[in-house]
């Protein structure tokens, strides 16, 4: 059994929330490998951290604000 097959088996047994963490970590490893290989897609650690922290946020419901919610106008 290959490493990829073993990973798939273990990941399938995890709850979905932990599967999402595994996916986040894979993204981190990919970014790290790109950075270490001298790829043109160089990302700083803060950019990687921000990208991982924001991953999946596009699926979250956004709050709805009105002009009444503003504390001041610019």
C-alpha atoms as a PDB file:
ATOM      1  CA  UNK A   1       0.000   0.000   0.000  1.00  0.00           C
ATOM      2  CA  UNK A   2       1.422   3.402  -0.984  1.00  0.00           C
ATOM      3  CA  UNK A   3       1.756   6.339   1.383  1.00  0.00           C
ATOM      4  CA  UNK A   4      -1.051   8.153  -0.463  1.00  0.00           C
ATOM      5  CA  UNK A   5      -3.355   5.149  -0.025  1.00  0.00           C
ATOM      6  CA  UNK A   6      -2.521   4.927   3.690  1.00  0.00           C
ATOM      7  CA  UNK A   7      -3.211   8.644   4.090  1.00  0.00           C
ATOM      8  CA  UNK A   8      -6.559   8.347   2.325  1.00  0.00           C
ATOM      9  CA  UNK A   9      -7.582   5.462   4.573  1.00  0.00           C
ATOM     10  CA  UNK A  10      -6.696   7.345   7.767  1.00  0.00           C
ATOM     11  CA  UNK A  11      -8.259  10.606   6.589  1.00  0.00           C
ATOM     12  CA  UNK A  12     -11.538   8.914   5.645  1.00  0.00           C
ATOM     13  CA  UNK A  13     -11.860   7.659   9.228  1.00  0.00           C
ATOM     14  CA  UNK A  14     -11.540  11.186  10.686  1.00  0.00           C
ATOM     15  CA  UNK A  15     -14.469  13.504  11.418  1.00  0.00           C
ATOM     16  CA  UNK A  16     -14.954  16.213   8.789  1.00  0.00           C
ATOM     17  CA  UNK A  17     -13.573  18.954  11.051  1.00  0.00           C
ATOM     18  CA  UNK A  18     -10.279  17.076  11.382  1.00  0.00           C
ATOM     19  CA  UNK A  19     -10.249  16.362   7.648  1.00  0.00           C
ATOM     20  CA  UNK A  20     -10.385  20.133   7.139  1.00  0.00           C
ATOM     21  CA  UNK A  21      -7.355  20.527   9.427  1.00  0.00           C
ATOM     22  CA  UNK A  22      -5.472  17.939   7.381  1.00  0.00           C
ATOM     23  CA  UNK A  23      -6.335  19.882   4.224  1.00  0.00           C
ATOM     24  CA  UNK A  24      -5.067  23.111   5.820  1.00  0.00           C
ATOM     25  CA  UNK A  25      -1.817  21.395   6.756  1.00  0.00           C
ATOM     26  CA  UNK A  26      -1.392  20.034   3.233  1.00  0.00           C
ATOM     27  CA  UNK A  27      -1.755  23.583   1.920  1.00  0.00           C
ATOM     28  CA  UNK A  28       0.915  24.723   4.361  1.00  0.00           C
ATOM     29  CA  UNK A  29       3.273  21.947   3.237  1.00  0.00           C
ATOM     30  CA  UNK A  30       2.698  22.808  -0.427  1.00  0.00           C
ATOM     31  CA  UNK A  31       3.491  26.468   0.207  1.00  0.00           C
ATOM     32  CA  UNK A  32       6.562  25.515   2.214  1.00  0.00           C
ATOM     33  CA  UNK A  33       7.814  23.214  -0.556  1.00  0.00           C
ATOM     34  CA  UNK A  34       7.313  25.945  -3.155  1.00  0.00           C
ATOM     35  CA  UNK A  35       9.230  28.414  -1.011  1.00  0.00           C
ATOM     36  CA  UNK A  36      12.090  25.975  -0.343  1.00  0.00           C
ATOM     37  CA  UNK A  37      12.409  25.006  -4.001  1.00  0.00           C
ATOM     38  CA  UNK A  38      12.964  28.629  -4.930  1.00  0.00           C
ATOM     39  CA  UNK A  39       9.717  28.780  -6.850  1.00  0.00           C
ATOM     40  CA  UNK A  40       8.462  32.107  -8.084  1.00  0.00           C
ATOM     41  CA  UNK A  41       5.403  31.799  -5.828  1.00  0.00           C
ATOM     42  CA  UNK A  42       7.384  32.783  -2.749  1.00  0.00           C
ATOM     43  CA  UNK A  43       5.155  33.338   0.258  1.00  0.00           C
ATOM     44  CA  UNK A  44       6.201  34.716   3.607  1.00  0.00           C
ATOM     45  CA  UNK A  45       5.226  32.870   6.754  1.00  0.00           C
ATOM     46  CA  UNK A  46       2.692  35.570   7.559  1.00  0.00           C
ATOM     47  CA  UNK A  47       1.074  35.187   4.120  1.00  0.00           C
ATOM     48  CA  UNK A  48       0.887  31.414   4.587  1.00  0.00           C
ATOM     49  CA  UNK A  49      -0.568  31.856   8.069  1.00  0.00           C
ATOM     50  CA  UNK A  50      -3.158  34.338   6.827  1.00  0.00           C
ATOM     51  CA  UNK A  51      -4.111  32.113   3.895  1.00  0.00           C
ATOM     52  CA  UNK A  52      -4.577  29.116   6.186  1.00  0.00           C
ATOM     53  CA  UNK A  53      -6.539  31.137   8.745  1.00  0.00           C
ATOM     54  CA  UNK A  54      -8.906  32.458   6.078  1.00  0.00           C
ATOM     55  CA  UNK A  55      -9.345  29.158   4.254  1.00  0.00           C
ATOM     56  CA  UNK A  56     -13.020  28.233   4.071  1.00  0.00           C
ATOM     57  CA  UNK A  57     -14.253  31.682   5.085  1.00  0.00           C
ATOM     58  CA  UNK A  58     -15.842  32.177   1.680  1.00  0.00           C
ATOM     59  CA  UNK A  59     -18.491  29.662   2.783  1.00  0.00           C
ATOM     60  CA  UNK A  60     -19.378  31.587   5.961  1.00  0.00           C
ATOM     61  CA  UNK A  61     -22.417  33.818   6.117  1.00  0.00           C
ATOM     62  CA  UNK A  62     -21.549  37.504   6.058  1.00  0.00           C
ATOM     63  CA  UNK A  63     -23.100  39.952   8.511  1.00  0.00           C
ATOM     64  CA  UNK A  64     -25.333  42.590   6.990  1.00  0.00           C
ATOM     65  CA  UNK A  65     -24.520  46.153   7.975  1.00  0.00           C
ATOM     66  CA  UNK A  66     -26.435  49.344   7.334  1.00  0.00           C
ATOM     67  CA  UNK A  67     -25.406  53.003   7.496  1.00  0.00           C
ATOM     68  CA  UNK A  68     -26.856  53.060  11.031  1.00  0.00           C
ATOM     69  CA  UNK A  69     -24.097  50.670  12.128  1.00  0.00           C
ATOM     70  CA  UNK A  70     -21.369  53.170  11.203  1.00  0.00           C
ATOM     71  CA  UNK A  71     -19.725  55.022  14.077  1.00  0.00           C
ATOM     72  CA  UNK A  72     -18.339  57.740  11.804  1.00  0.00           C
ATOM     73  CA  UNK A  73     -18.079  58.628   8.159  1.00  0.00           C
ATOM     74  CA  UNK A  74     -14.888  59.204   6.214  1.00  0.00           C
END
